[in-house]
Protein backbone atom coordinates (compact mmCIF):
# COMPACT_ATOMS: atom_id res chain seq x y z
CA MET A 1 66.90 56.76 -95.70
CA GLU A 2 68.25 59.82 -97.48
CA GLU A 3 71.98 60.18 -98.08
CA PHE A 4 74.19 63.18 -97.22
CA ASN A 5 77.92 63.67 -97.70
CA ALA A 6 79.33 64.10 -94.21
CA ILE A 7 82.48 64.24 -92.13
CA GLU A 8 82.71 62.41 -88.81
CA ILE A 9 84.91 63.89 -86.10
CA ASN A 10 85.54 62.98 -82.47
CA GLN A 11 85.81 65.80 -79.93
CA ASN A 12 86.76 64.55 -76.47
CA GLY A 13 84.76 61.40 -77.01
CA GLN A 14 81.73 63.12 -78.54
CA ILE A 15 80.97 62.07 -82.12
CA LEU A 16 79.98 64.95 -84.41
CA TYR A 17 78.80 64.88 -88.02
CA LEU A 18 79.35 67.85 -90.34
CA PHE A 19 77.08 68.16 -93.39
CA SER A 20 74.73 70.57 -95.16
CA MET A 21 70.94 70.58 -95.42
CA SER A 22 68.41 73.02 -96.82
CA ALA A 23 66.89 75.41 -94.28
CA LYS A 24 63.34 74.32 -95.04
CA ARG A 25 64.20 70.66 -94.48
CA ILE A 26 65.89 71.43 -91.18
CA TYR A 27 62.78 73.38 -90.19
CA ASP A 28 60.54 70.47 -91.18
CA LYS A 29 62.53 67.64 -89.63
CA PHE A 30 63.97 69.01 -86.39
CA SER A 31 61.98 70.11 -83.33
CA VAL A 32 62.49 73.41 -81.49
CA SER A 33 60.29 72.90 -78.41
CA ARG A 34 59.86 69.90 -76.15
CA ARG A 35 56.61 71.38 -74.82
CA VAL A 36 54.91 72.45 -78.07
CA GLU A 37 54.38 69.76 -80.68
CA ASP A 38 53.12 72.06 -83.46
CA LYS A 39 56.22 73.34 -85.30
CA GLU A 40 54.84 76.78 -86.16
CA LYS A 41 53.54 77.35 -82.62
CA GLY A 42 56.87 76.15 -81.26
CA TYR A 43 58.67 78.94 -83.09
CA GLN A 44 55.98 81.52 -82.27
CA ARG A 45 56.00 80.69 -78.56
CA SER A 46 59.70 80.20 -77.99
CA PHE A 47 61.52 82.67 -80.23
CA SER A 48 61.42 86.28 -81.40
CA SER A 49 59.20 86.70 -84.47
CA SER A 50 60.85 90.04 -85.24
CA ARG A 51 64.28 88.39 -85.44
CA LEU A 52 62.92 85.68 -87.73
CA LYS A 53 61.55 88.36 -90.07
CA GLN A 54 64.82 90.31 -89.96
CA ILE A 55 66.76 87.23 -91.04
CA ALA A 56 64.27 86.48 -93.83
CA ASN A 57 64.48 90.07 -95.09
CA TYR A 58 68.27 89.97 -94.96
CA LEU A 59 68.30 86.82 -97.11
CA ASN A 60 65.68 88.17 -99.52
CA LYS A 61 66.89 91.73 -100.06
CA ASP A 62 70.62 91.72 -99.46
CA SER A 63 71.68 88.43 -101.04
CA GLY A 64 72.66 87.50 -97.54
CA PHE A 65 74.21 84.26 -96.37
CA LEU A 66 74.45 82.47 -93.02
CA PRO A 67 77.90 80.90 -92.59
CA ASN A 68 77.55 79.79 -88.96
CA SER A 69 76.56 76.17 -88.47
CA ILE A 70 73.29 74.92 -87.01
CA LEU A 71 73.78 72.57 -84.05
CA VAL A 72 71.31 69.70 -83.88
CA ASN A 73 71.02 66.39 -82.09
CA ILE A 74 69.85 63.42 -84.16
CA ASP A 75 67.79 60.78 -82.38
CA ASN A 76 69.55 57.44 -82.01
CA ASP A 77 67.28 55.43 -84.30
CA LYS A 78 67.04 58.06 -87.05
CA TYR A 79 70.52 57.84 -88.63
CA LYS A 80 73.47 55.70 -89.62
CA PHE A 81 76.94 56.63 -90.89
CA GLU A 82 78.90 54.57 -93.42
CA ASN A 83 81.76 55.43 -95.79
CA ASP A 84 81.55 59.20 -95.34
CA LYS A 85 77.79 59.11 -95.88
CA LEU A 86 75.21 60.10 -93.28
CA TYR A 87 71.84 58.42 -93.81
CA LEU A 88 68.79 60.08 -92.24
CA LYS A 89 65.21 58.83 -91.86
CA LEU A 90 63.55 61.88 -93.37
CA ASP A 91 60.25 60.04 -93.77
CA GLU A 92 59.86 60.52 -89.99
CA GLU A 93 57.98 63.58 -88.69
CA SER A 94 60.94 64.61 -86.53
CA ILE A 95 64.46 63.20 -86.41
CA GLY A 96 65.93 65.35 -83.66
CA PHE A 97 66.19 68.67 -81.85
CA ILE A 98 67.76 72.03 -82.77
CA ILE A 99 70.15 72.93 -79.96
CA ASP A 100 71.53 76.15 -81.45
CA GLY A 101 70.52 78.17 -84.51
CA GLN A 102 66.74 78.22 -84.10
CA HIS A 103 66.43 81.83 -85.22
CA ARG A 104 68.55 81.24 -88.33
CA VAL A 105 66.54 78.18 -89.32
CA GLY A 106 63.21 79.89 -88.65
CA GLY A 107 64.23 83.03 -90.52
CA ALA A 108 65.67 81.11 -93.47
CA ASN A 109 62.48 79.08 -93.65
CA LEU A 110 60.53 82.32 -94.14
CA ALA A 111 62.86 83.50 -96.92
CA ASP A 112 61.90 83.25 -100.59
CA ASN A 113 64.77 80.94 -101.55
CA ASP A 114 65.62 77.70 -99.80
CA ILE A 115 69.29 78.05 -98.88
CA LEU A 116 71.73 75.37 -97.77
CA LEU A 117 72.92 75.66 -94.18
CA PRO A 118 76.00 74.08 -92.60
CA VAL A 119 75.00 71.61 -89.89
CA VAL A 120 76.89 70.08 -86.98
CA ALA A 121 75.06 67.10 -85.50
CA THR A 122 75.56 65.47 -82.14
CA VAL A 123 74.25 61.96 -81.60
CA ARG A 124 73.56 59.71 -78.62
CA LEU A 125 72.71 62.62 -76.32
CA ASN A 126 69.79 61.85 -74.05
CA GLU A 127 67.09 64.42 -73.27
CA VAL A 128 68.88 65.70 -70.16
CA GLU A 129 72.18 66.17 -72.01
CA GLN A 130 70.42 67.97 -74.87
CA ALA A 131 68.63 70.32 -72.47
CA LYS A 132 71.85 71.12 -70.59
CA LEU A 133 73.70 71.81 -73.84
CA PHE A 134 70.84 74.02 -75.06
CA ILE A 135 70.99 76.08 -71.86
CA LYS A 136 74.79 76.30 -71.87
CA ILE A 137 74.88 77.61 -75.45
CA ASN A 138 71.76 79.80 -75.46
CA LYS A 139 71.63 81.25 -71.95
CA ASN A 140 73.15 84.60 -72.89
CA GLN A 141 71.79 84.80 -76.43
CA LYS A 142 69.44 87.65 -77.28
CA GLY A 143 65.82 86.65 -77.77
CA VAL A 144 65.89 83.31 -75.93
CA PRO A 145 63.52 83.76 -72.96
CA VAL A 146 64.32 82.98 -69.33
CA SER A 147 61.00 81.13 -69.05
CA LEU A 148 62.31 78.54 -71.49
CA TYR A 149 65.20 77.72 -69.14
CA LEU A 150 62.92 77.49 -66.12
CA ASP A 151 60.65 75.14 -68.02
CA LEU A 152 63.63 72.86 -68.72
CA LEU A 153 64.71 72.50 -65.09
CA ASN A 154 62.69 69.34 -64.53
CA ILE A 155 64.71 67.81 -67.37
CA THR A 156 68.15 69.14 -66.45
CA GLU A 157 67.90 68.80 -62.67
CA GLY A 158 65.41 65.96 -62.42
CA GLU A 159 61.83 65.65 -61.20
CA ILE A 160 61.15 66.43 -57.54
CA VAL A 161 58.92 64.02 -55.62
CA ASP A 162 58.80 65.80 -52.24
CA PHE A 163 58.64 69.59 -52.49
CA ASP A 164 58.87 69.87 -48.70
CA GLY A 165 62.45 68.61 -48.83
CA HIS A 166 64.96 70.96 -47.16
CA ASP A 167 67.08 71.11 -50.31
CA VAL A 168 64.24 72.18 -52.63
CA THR A 169 64.85 75.79 -53.63
CA ALA A 170 62.25 78.55 -53.69
CA GLU A 171 62.69 78.68 -57.46
CA ARG A 172 61.74 75.02 -57.93
CA ARG A 173 58.74 75.39 -55.58
CA ALA A 174 57.59 78.50 -57.44
CA ILE A 175 57.98 76.81 -60.84
CA GLU A 176 55.90 73.85 -59.68
CA ILE A 177 53.13 76.10 -58.33
CA ALA A 178 53.02 78.12 -61.55
CA LYS A 179 52.96 74.96 -63.69
CA ARG A 180 50.17 73.37 -61.68
CA LEU A 181 48.07 76.52 -61.78
CA ASN A 182 48.60 76.74 -65.53
CA GLU A 183 47.75 73.09 -66.23
CA ASP A 184 44.77 72.56 -63.89
CA GLU A 185 41.57 73.19 -65.85
CA GLU A 186 39.83 74.26 -62.62
CA SER A 187 42.51 76.81 -61.83
CA PRO A 188 41.90 80.53 -62.43
CA MET A 189 45.32 80.61 -64.12
CA TYR A 190 44.57 77.76 -66.50
CA ASP A 191 46.51 78.37 -69.74
CA LYS A 192 47.39 81.90 -68.61
CA VAL A 193 51.07 81.28 -67.84
CA ARG A 194 53.38 81.65 -70.83
CA MET A 195 55.60 78.66 -70.12
CA THR A 196 58.26 79.37 -72.75
CA GLY A 197 58.17 83.16 -72.56
CA GLU A 198 56.18 83.71 -75.73
CA ALA A 199 54.55 87.09 -76.26
CA GLY A 200 50.82 87.28 -75.73
CA LYS A 201 48.17 87.30 -73.02
CA GLY A 202 48.84 86.20 -69.49
CA ILE A 203 51.93 86.12 -67.30
CA SER A 204 55.33 84.73 -68.28
CA LEU A 205 56.65 81.84 -66.20
CA SER A 206 59.78 83.80 -65.23
CA GLU A 207 57.71 86.75 -64.00
CA PHE A 208 55.35 84.52 -62.01
CA VAL A 209 58.26 82.62 -60.45
CA ASN A 210 60.00 85.84 -59.38
CA LEU A 211 56.80 86.99 -57.66
CA LEU A 212 56.26 83.68 -55.88
CA LYS A 213 59.81 83.06 -54.65
CA PRO A 214 59.76 85.48 -51.67
CA LEU A 215 56.55 83.85 -50.48
CA VAL A 216 57.69 80.22 -50.68
CA GLU A 217 61.36 80.59 -49.69
CA PRO A 218 61.81 77.64 -47.28
CA LYS A 219 63.92 79.51 -44.69
CA LYS A 220 62.48 83.03 -44.68
CA GLY A 221 59.48 83.15 -47.00
CA SER A 222 56.14 84.55 -45.87
CA PHE A 223 54.55 81.09 -46.02
CA MET A 224 57.62 79.18 -44.79
CA SER A 225 55.71 77.62 -41.88
CA LEU A 226 53.28 75.90 -44.24
CA GLY A 227 53.84 72.74 -46.26
CA PHE A 228 54.14 72.95 -50.04
CA GLU A 229 50.67 71.55 -50.76
CA ASP A 230 49.08 74.10 -48.42
CA GLN A 231 51.06 76.86 -50.12
CA TYR A 232 49.71 75.74 -53.48
CA LYS A 233 46.14 75.65 -52.13
CA ILE A 234 46.49 79.19 -50.78
CA PHE A 235 47.56 80.60 -54.15
CA ASN A 236 44.83 78.68 -55.96
CA ILE A 237 42.13 79.89 -53.53
CA TYR A 238 43.48 83.43 -53.50
CA LEU A 239 43.55 83.76 -57.28
CA LYS A 240 40.07 82.22 -57.56
CA ALA A 241 38.84 84.93 -55.22
CA ILE A 242 40.66 87.67 -57.14
CA LYS A 243 39.11 86.41 -60.37
CA ALA A 244 35.63 86.23 -58.84
CA VAL A 245 35.74 89.75 -57.38
CA PHE A 246 37.32 91.36 -60.44
CA LEU A 247 35.84 89.05 -63.08
CA GLU A 248 35.14 91.73 -65.68
CA GLN A 249 38.69 93.08 -65.46
CA TRP A 250 40.14 89.55 -65.33
CA GLU A 251 38.57 88.78 -68.69
CA ASP A 252 39.42 92.16 -70.22
CA SER A 253 42.91 92.08 -71.73
CA THR A 254 43.08 95.89 -71.80
CA THR A 255 43.20 96.12 -67.98
CA LEU A 256 46.37 95.70 -65.93
CA LEU A 257 45.10 92.83 -63.78
CA LEU A 258 46.89 90.11 -65.73
CA LYS A 259 49.83 92.29 -66.69
CA THR A 260 53.10 93.05 -64.94
CA VAL A 261 52.00 95.86 -62.62
CA GLY A 262 48.53 94.63 -61.69
CA PHE A 263 49.40 90.96 -61.28
CA GLY A 264 52.55 91.89 -59.39
CA ALA A 265 50.47 93.91 -56.93
CA VAL A 266 48.05 91.01 -56.50
CA ILE A 267 50.73 88.40 -55.74
CA LYS A 268 52.76 90.73 -53.53
CA SER A 269 49.59 91.41 -51.50
CA CYS A 270 48.79 87.72 -51.07
CA TYR A 271 50.26 87.19 -47.60
CA ASP A 272 48.76 90.40 -46.19
CA ILE A 273 45.32 89.49 -47.51
CA PHE A 274 45.75 85.93 -46.25
CA THR A 275 46.32 87.25 -42.71
CA LEU A 276 43.30 89.57 -42.97
CA VAL A 277 41.07 86.69 -44.06
CA ILE A 278 42.33 84.48 -41.20
CA GLN A 279 41.87 87.34 -38.73
CA LYS A 280 38.23 87.79 -39.74
CA HIS A 281 37.09 84.25 -40.51
CA LYS A 282 39.63 81.98 -38.80
CA LYS A 283 39.72 79.91 -42.01
CA PHE A 284 40.94 80.48 -45.55
CA THR A 285 38.54 79.37 -48.27
CA THR A 286 37.47 80.81 -51.59
CA GLU A 287 34.29 82.08 -49.91
CA THR A 288 36.03 83.79 -46.98
CA CYS A 289 38.67 85.24 -49.28
CA ILE A 290 36.02 86.67 -51.61
CA ASP A 291 34.25 88.19 -48.59
CA VAL A 292 37.33 90.22 -47.68
CA ILE A 293 38.53 91.16 -51.16
CA SER A 294 35.02 92.20 -52.24
CA LYS A 295 35.39 95.24 -49.97
CA ILE A 296 37.46 96.78 -52.78
CA SER A 297 35.53 95.40 -55.74
CA GLU A 298 35.44 98.90 -57.25
CA LEU A 299 39.25 99.04 -57.51
CA LYS A 300 40.35 99.61 -61.09
CA PHE A 301 43.46 97.95 -62.45
CA ASP A 302 44.25 100.73 -64.90
CA THR A 303 46.94 103.33 -65.54
CA ASP A 304 45.04 105.97 -63.57
CA THR A 305 45.26 103.83 -60.43
CA MET A 306 48.47 101.93 -61.11
CA SER A 307 50.91 103.91 -63.24
CA GLY A 308 54.47 103.18 -64.28
CA GLY A 309 56.23 99.90 -64.88
CA GLY A 310 58.60 97.42 -63.29
CA ILE A 311 59.13 96.43 -59.66
CA LYS A 312 58.66 99.94 -58.23
CA ALA A 313 55.29 100.23 -59.95
CA GLN A 314 54.27 96.81 -58.59
CA ASP A 315 55.21 97.89 -55.06
CA ALA A 316 53.31 101.16 -55.44
CA ALA A 317 50.26 99.31 -56.77
CA LYS A 318 50.46 96.91 -53.81
CA VAL A 319 50.35 99.91 -51.45
CA VAL A 320 47.25 101.22 -53.24
CA LEU A 321 45.51 97.84 -53.09
CA LEU A 322 46.26 97.14 -49.41
CA SER A 323 45.65 100.68 -48.16
CA ARG A 324 42.21 100.71 -49.76
CA LEU A 325 41.40 97.27 -48.39
CA ARG A 326 42.48 98.13 -44.84
CA ALA A 327 40.52 101.38 -44.98
CA ALA A 328 37.42 99.48 -46.10
CA LEU A 329 37.83 96.98 -43.25
CA ARG A 330 38.22 99.53 -40.43
CA ASP A 331 34.48 99.78 -39.92
CA ASP A 332 33.95 96.01 -40.11
CA GLU A 333 32.84 94.85 -36.65
CA ASP A 334 34.65 91.53 -37.15
CA PHE A 335 37.92 93.46 -37.06
CA SER A 336 37.15 95.43 -33.91
CA PHE A 337 39.24 94.75 -30.80
CA GLU A 338 40.31 96.34 -27.53
CA ILE A 339 43.79 97.41 -26.55
CA GLY A 340 44.42 96.94 -22.83
CA GLU A 341 46.68 98.76 -20.41
């Protein structure tokens, strides 16, 4: 164990240790993401790279200093405190979790010089308590993504066994659907949901959840009459069909299909297209869904067809998608019917 001069204080029953440690050692020995094991990827996926660089430049060029303390939690079996000395097991790969100060640690790690940072350490906090404290401190901080909070809900609020329970919110249902689609290797959305809000290809968890919530709301959602597992199957089948019909655009990152406007239009059109498929085929499968959606296979998910940004642009793109599909289906004999007196 390595020795550090430290002060022990008790705040309302919570033991805290105050000490200093070099930025690069904090970076090496404390985790920043429960989901991403690789330290560098954890920073890249969870936090703003531009802010990290700004901090590094500030330390390099302006003889800057960072007086605010870094808040960490030290795992129970990785420390001991005796006679004003804190002993840490630094031969371990990770000895705890950074609760607050991730940007400062990441930026200081990129700086030329290895500076000492003040540290406040909690101990004996379990995973749930750490996650709740992380959310409480970071929720309104710039650069910490909403997706990261959503991804922590299973920890802070507990795992859900029955998603058909009356007390399960639309948000929790939507999070579970997005996670399953992202983790299932057979899913069209496999590894395309950015679970911690990192920049890059695909859809952020928070964006996906916001699109799904109106559809799975248990009291007034479009699919409220269906059980959770059937809801999940519908989204999986629907997105498989979308991918199959628009495969070239799905795999082309320059199109809007897997970006805010295009993907928003696709998800917001889901219930309407579901009803059209049921009306024509009386069953909802990947094959029957492809049959209907293929009527607009020439639709382009680009700025010429779907311009603008945000929710209004998604709604406008939905109108384009559905109006073209309904127009294409008017001459389909399977949709013909008589209106009586």
